[in-house]
N, C-alpha and C. Protein backbone atom coordinates (compact mmCIF):
# COMPACT_ATOMS: atom_id res chain seq x y z
N MET A 1 -53.02 8.64 32.47
CA MET A 1 -53.45 7.50 33.57
C MET A 1 -55.02 7.35 33.07
N THR A 2 -55.80 6.91 32.90
CA THR A 2 -57.53 6.57 32.33
C THR A 2 -58.00 5.71 33.97
N ASN A 3 -58.75 5.88 34.09
CA ASN A 3 -59.51 5.59 35.37
C ASN A 3 -60.64 4.35 34.23
N LEU A 4 -60.60 3.65 35.32
CA LEU A 4 -61.47 1.84 34.45
C LEU A 4 -62.69 1.65 35.78
N LYS A 5 -63.92 1.47 35.24
CA LYS A 5 -64.52 1.37 36.21
C LYS A 5 -65.05 -0.24 35.87
N VAL A 6 -65.38 -1.33 37.56
CA VAL A 6 -65.55 -2.10 37.46
C VAL A 6 -67.00 -2.68 37.04
N ARG A 7 -67.29 -3.39 36.51
CA ARG A 7 -68.94 -3.00 36.43
C ARG A 7 -69.86 -4.74 35.97
N GLN A 8 -70.45 -5.30 36.48
CA GLN A 8 -71.20 -6.47 36.16
C GLN A 8 -71.88 -6.32 34.94
N ILE A 9 -71.24 -8.10 33.90
CA ILE A 9 -71.57 -8.20 32.63
C ILE A 9 -71.81 -9.76 32.70
N GLY A 10 -73.63 -9.78 32.72
CA GLY A 10 -74.08 -11.32 33.11
C GLY A 10 -73.27 -11.34 34.38
N ASN A 11 -72.73 -12.89 34.21
CA ASN A 11 -72.28 -13.14 35.76
C ASN A 11 -70.95 -12.96 36.16
N SER A 12 -70.25 -12.31 34.87
CA SER A 12 -68.79 -11.90 35.23
C SER A 12 -68.95 -10.59 35.89
N LEU A 13 -67.48 -10.04 35.76
CA LEU A 13 -66.70 -8.66 35.76
C LEU A 13 -66.42 -8.17 34.84
N GLY A 14 -66.05 -6.99 34.23
CA GLY A 14 -65.55 -6.08 33.56
C GLY A 14 -64.98 -5.15 33.46
N VAL A 15 -64.49 -4.59 32.59
CA VAL A 15 -64.58 -3.69 32.27
C VAL A 15 -64.23 -3.00 30.79
N VAL A 16 -64.73 -1.97 30.87
CA VAL A 16 -64.77 -0.91 29.16
C VAL A 16 -63.57 -0.32 29.09
N LEU A 17 -63.40 -0.47 27.91
CA LEU A 17 -61.62 -0.13 27.20
C LEU A 17 -62.65 1.51 26.48
N PRO A 18 -61.98 2.91 26.92
CA PRO A 18 -61.80 3.67 26.29
C PRO A 18 -61.34 3.50 24.84
N LYS A 19 -62.10 4.19 23.72
CA LYS A 19 -61.63 4.23 22.00
C LYS A 19 -60.47 4.76 22.28
N GLU A 20 -59.59 5.70 22.75
CA GLU A 20 -58.56 6.03 22.92
C GLU A 20 -57.31 4.93 23.45
N ALA A 21 -58.01 4.01 24.48
CA ALA A 21 -57.05 3.09 24.77
C ALA A 21 -57.05 1.80 23.47
N LEU A 22 -57.95 1.69 23.30
CA LEU A 22 -58.43 0.68 21.73
C LEU A 22 -57.32 1.02 20.72
N SER A 23 -57.73 2.01 20.41
CA SER A 23 -56.53 2.59 19.09
C SER A 23 -55.46 2.42 19.12
N ARG A 24 -54.88 2.69 21.16
CA ARG A 24 -53.46 2.90 20.77
C ARG A 24 -52.92 1.31 20.95
N LEU A 25 -53.71 0.21 21.73
CA LEU A 25 -53.39 -1.01 21.64
C LEU A 25 -53.67 -1.95 20.37
N ASN A 26 -54.03 -0.79 19.68
CA ASN A 26 -54.64 -1.41 18.16
C ASN A 26 -55.15 -2.72 17.62
N VAL A 27 -56.55 -2.59 18.96
CA VAL A 27 -57.71 -3.66 18.54
C VAL A 27 -58.63 -3.48 18.42
N ALA A 28 -59.77 -4.17 18.06
CA ALA A 28 -61.38 -3.71 17.79
C ALA A 28 -61.69 -5.20 18.22
N ASP A 29 -63.13 -5.05 17.60
CA ASP A 29 -64.51 -5.54 18.72
C ASP A 29 -63.56 -7.23 18.31
N GLY A 30 -63.66 -8.73 18.61
CA GLY A 30 -63.83 -9.67 18.91
C GLY A 30 -61.95 -10.24 18.86
N ASP A 31 -61.33 -9.24 19.16
CA ASP A 31 -59.95 -9.86 19.51
C ASP A 31 -59.40 -9.48 20.45
N VAL A 32 -58.44 -10.78 20.98
CA VAL A 32 -58.00 -11.17 22.17
C VAL A 32 -56.70 -10.32 23.02
N LEU A 33 -57.09 -10.08 24.02
CA LEU A 33 -56.16 -9.36 24.77
C LEU A 33 -55.44 -10.29 25.90
N TYR A 34 -54.39 -10.37 26.53
CA TYR A 34 -54.36 -10.51 27.42
C TYR A 34 -53.43 -9.80 28.41
N LEU A 35 -53.83 -10.47 29.83
CA LEU A 35 -53.72 -10.21 31.08
C LEU A 35 -52.49 -11.10 31.92
N THR A 36 -51.28 -10.47 31.58
CA THR A 36 -50.12 -10.75 32.04
C THR A 36 -49.58 -9.54 33.72
N GLU A 37 -48.63 -10.51 34.29
CA GLU A 37 -47.93 -10.16 35.64
C GLU A 37 -46.86 -9.94 35.03
N ALA A 38 -46.27 -8.54 35.36
CA ALA A 38 -44.76 -7.88 35.13
C ALA A 38 -44.56 -8.40 36.72
N PRO A 39 -42.93 -8.59 36.56
CA PRO A 39 -42.04 -8.77 37.28
C PRO A 39 -42.18 -7.61 38.84
N ASP A 40 -42.33 -7.08 38.51
CA ASP A 40 -42.75 -6.11 39.82
C ASP A 40 -43.60 -5.98 40.39
N GLY A 41 -44.99 -7.25 39.99
CA GLY A 41 -46.20 -7.62 40.83
C GLY A 41 -47.26 -6.58 39.97
N SER A 42 -47.10 -5.40 39.05
CA SER A 42 -48.04 -4.85 38.24
C SER A 42 -48.22 -5.97 37.42
N MET A 43 -50.14 -5.97 36.93
CA MET A 43 -50.50 -6.45 35.87
C MET A 43 -50.34 -5.62 34.32
N ARG A 44 -50.47 -6.10 33.29
CA ARG A 44 -50.32 -5.34 32.14
C ARG A 44 -51.25 -6.00 30.95
N ILE A 45 -52.19 -5.36 30.77
CA ILE A 45 -53.15 -5.72 29.36
C ILE A 45 -52.40 -5.72 28.30
N THR A 46 -52.58 -6.65 27.28
CA THR A 46 -51.36 -6.36 26.13
C THR A 46 -52.40 -7.64 25.03
N PRO A 47 -51.51 -7.15 23.97
CA PRO A 47 -52.33 -7.92 22.91
C PRO A 47 -51.38 -8.98 21.69
N PHE A 48 -50.96 -9.19 22.60
CA PHE A 48 -49.58 -9.78 22.17
C PHE A 48 -49.48 -11.11 22.99
N ASP A 49 -49.73 -12.37 22.00
CA ASP A 49 -49.45 -13.46 23.09
C ASP A 49 -48.11 -13.29 23.51
N PRO A 50 -48.03 -13.50 25.27
CA PRO A 50 -46.50 -14.46 25.45
C PRO A 50 -46.70 -15.83 25.52
N ALA A 51 -47.06 -16.46 24.91
CA ALA A 51 -46.74 -17.82 24.75
C ALA A 51 -46.33 -17.90 22.98
N PHE A 52 -46.86 -16.85 22.27
CA PHE A 52 -46.32 -16.77 21.31
C PHE A 52 -44.73 -15.72 20.85
N ASP A 53 -44.20 -15.26 22.40
CA ASP A 53 -43.32 -14.94 22.33
C ASP A 53 -42.22 -15.71 22.39
N ALA A 54 -42.60 -16.73 23.48
CA ALA A 54 -41.72 -18.07 24.35
C ALA A 54 -41.30 -19.27 22.83
N GLN A 55 -42.13 -18.34 22.68
CA GLN A 55 -42.31 -20.40 21.15
C GLN A 55 -41.30 -19.53 19.49
N MET A 56 -41.60 -18.16 19.48
CA MET A 56 -40.23 -17.26 18.68
C MET A 56 -39.01 -17.20 19.20
N LYS A 57 -38.76 -17.29 19.99
CA LYS A 57 -37.34 -17.14 21.12
C LYS A 57 -37.00 -17.98 21.19
N ALA A 58 -37.48 -19.95 21.28
CA ALA A 58 -37.35 -20.60 21.02
C ALA A 58 -36.13 -21.68 19.40
N ALA A 59 -37.53 -20.82 18.55
CA ALA A 59 -37.38 -20.90 17.16
C ALA A 59 -36.00 -20.08 16.54
N ARG A 60 -36.16 -18.88 17.30
CA ARG A 60 -35.07 -17.54 16.64
C ARG A 60 -33.67 -18.59 17.36
N GLU A 61 -34.08 -19.50 18.24
CA GLU A 61 -32.63 -20.06 18.86
C GLU A 61 -32.27 -20.86 18.11
N GLY A 62 -33.22 -21.53 17.64
CA GLY A 62 -32.69 -23.18 16.70
C GLY A 62 -32.48 -22.80 15.33
N MET A 63 -33.27 -22.06 14.70
CA MET A 63 -31.94 -21.44 13.54
C MET A 63 -30.95 -20.52 13.41
N SER A 64 -30.63 -20.06 14.66
CA SER A 64 -29.21 -20.00 15.26
C SER A 64 -28.70 -21.05 15.36
N LYS A 65 -28.58 -22.23 16.32
CA LYS A 65 -27.91 -23.28 16.20
C LYS A 65 -27.76 -24.20 15.03
N TYR A 66 -28.73 -24.02 13.90
CA TYR A 66 -29.07 -24.59 12.82
C TYR A 66 -28.58 -23.69 11.30
N ARG A 67 -27.94 -22.63 11.74
CA ARG A 67 -28.07 -21.71 10.07
C ARG A 67 -27.30 -22.45 9.02
N ASN A 68 -26.39 -22.92 9.42
CA ASN A 68 -25.72 -23.79 8.26
C ASN A 68 -26.52 -24.45 7.57
N THR A 69 -27.12 -25.68 8.34
CA THR A 69 -27.66 -26.65 7.97
C THR A 69 -29.21 -25.66 7.23
N LEU A 70 -29.90 -24.67 7.64
CA LEU A 70 -31.12 -24.22 7.17
C LEU A 70 -30.31 -23.82 5.43
N ARG A 71 -29.20 -23.23 5.37
CA ARG A 71 -28.91 -22.52 4.54
C ARG A 71 -28.51 -23.76 3.13
N GLU A 72 -27.92 -24.80 4.13
CA GLU A 72 -28.16 -25.81 2.44
C GLU A 72 -28.98 -26.54 2.23
N LEU A 73 -29.88 -26.58 3.16
CA LEU A 73 -31.74 -27.01 3.06
C LEU A 73 -32.47 -25.89 2.06
N ALA A 74 -31.64 -24.51 1.83
CA ALA A 74 -32.33 -23.46 1.03
C ALA A 74 -31.98 -23.55 -0.51
N LYS A 75 -31.04 -24.22 -0.47
CA LYS A 75 -30.71 -24.07 -1.70
C LYS A 75 -31.45 -25.25 -2.41
């Protein structure tokens, strides 16, 4: 477990992530992180966009439903 200290940054509050956390998240300066709420009420920081995951799920369902049509179009 890593302790993070909340600090004032301009008119906002923020936390500074240590190098180890940035390395593990595979993010660098300028990357976007997402704060999501888990079903158990905890909060998670992730570099993966949850909206993109929902879009990919819909795309996979569509590709599965129209597999034969897409196969014919690919010929």
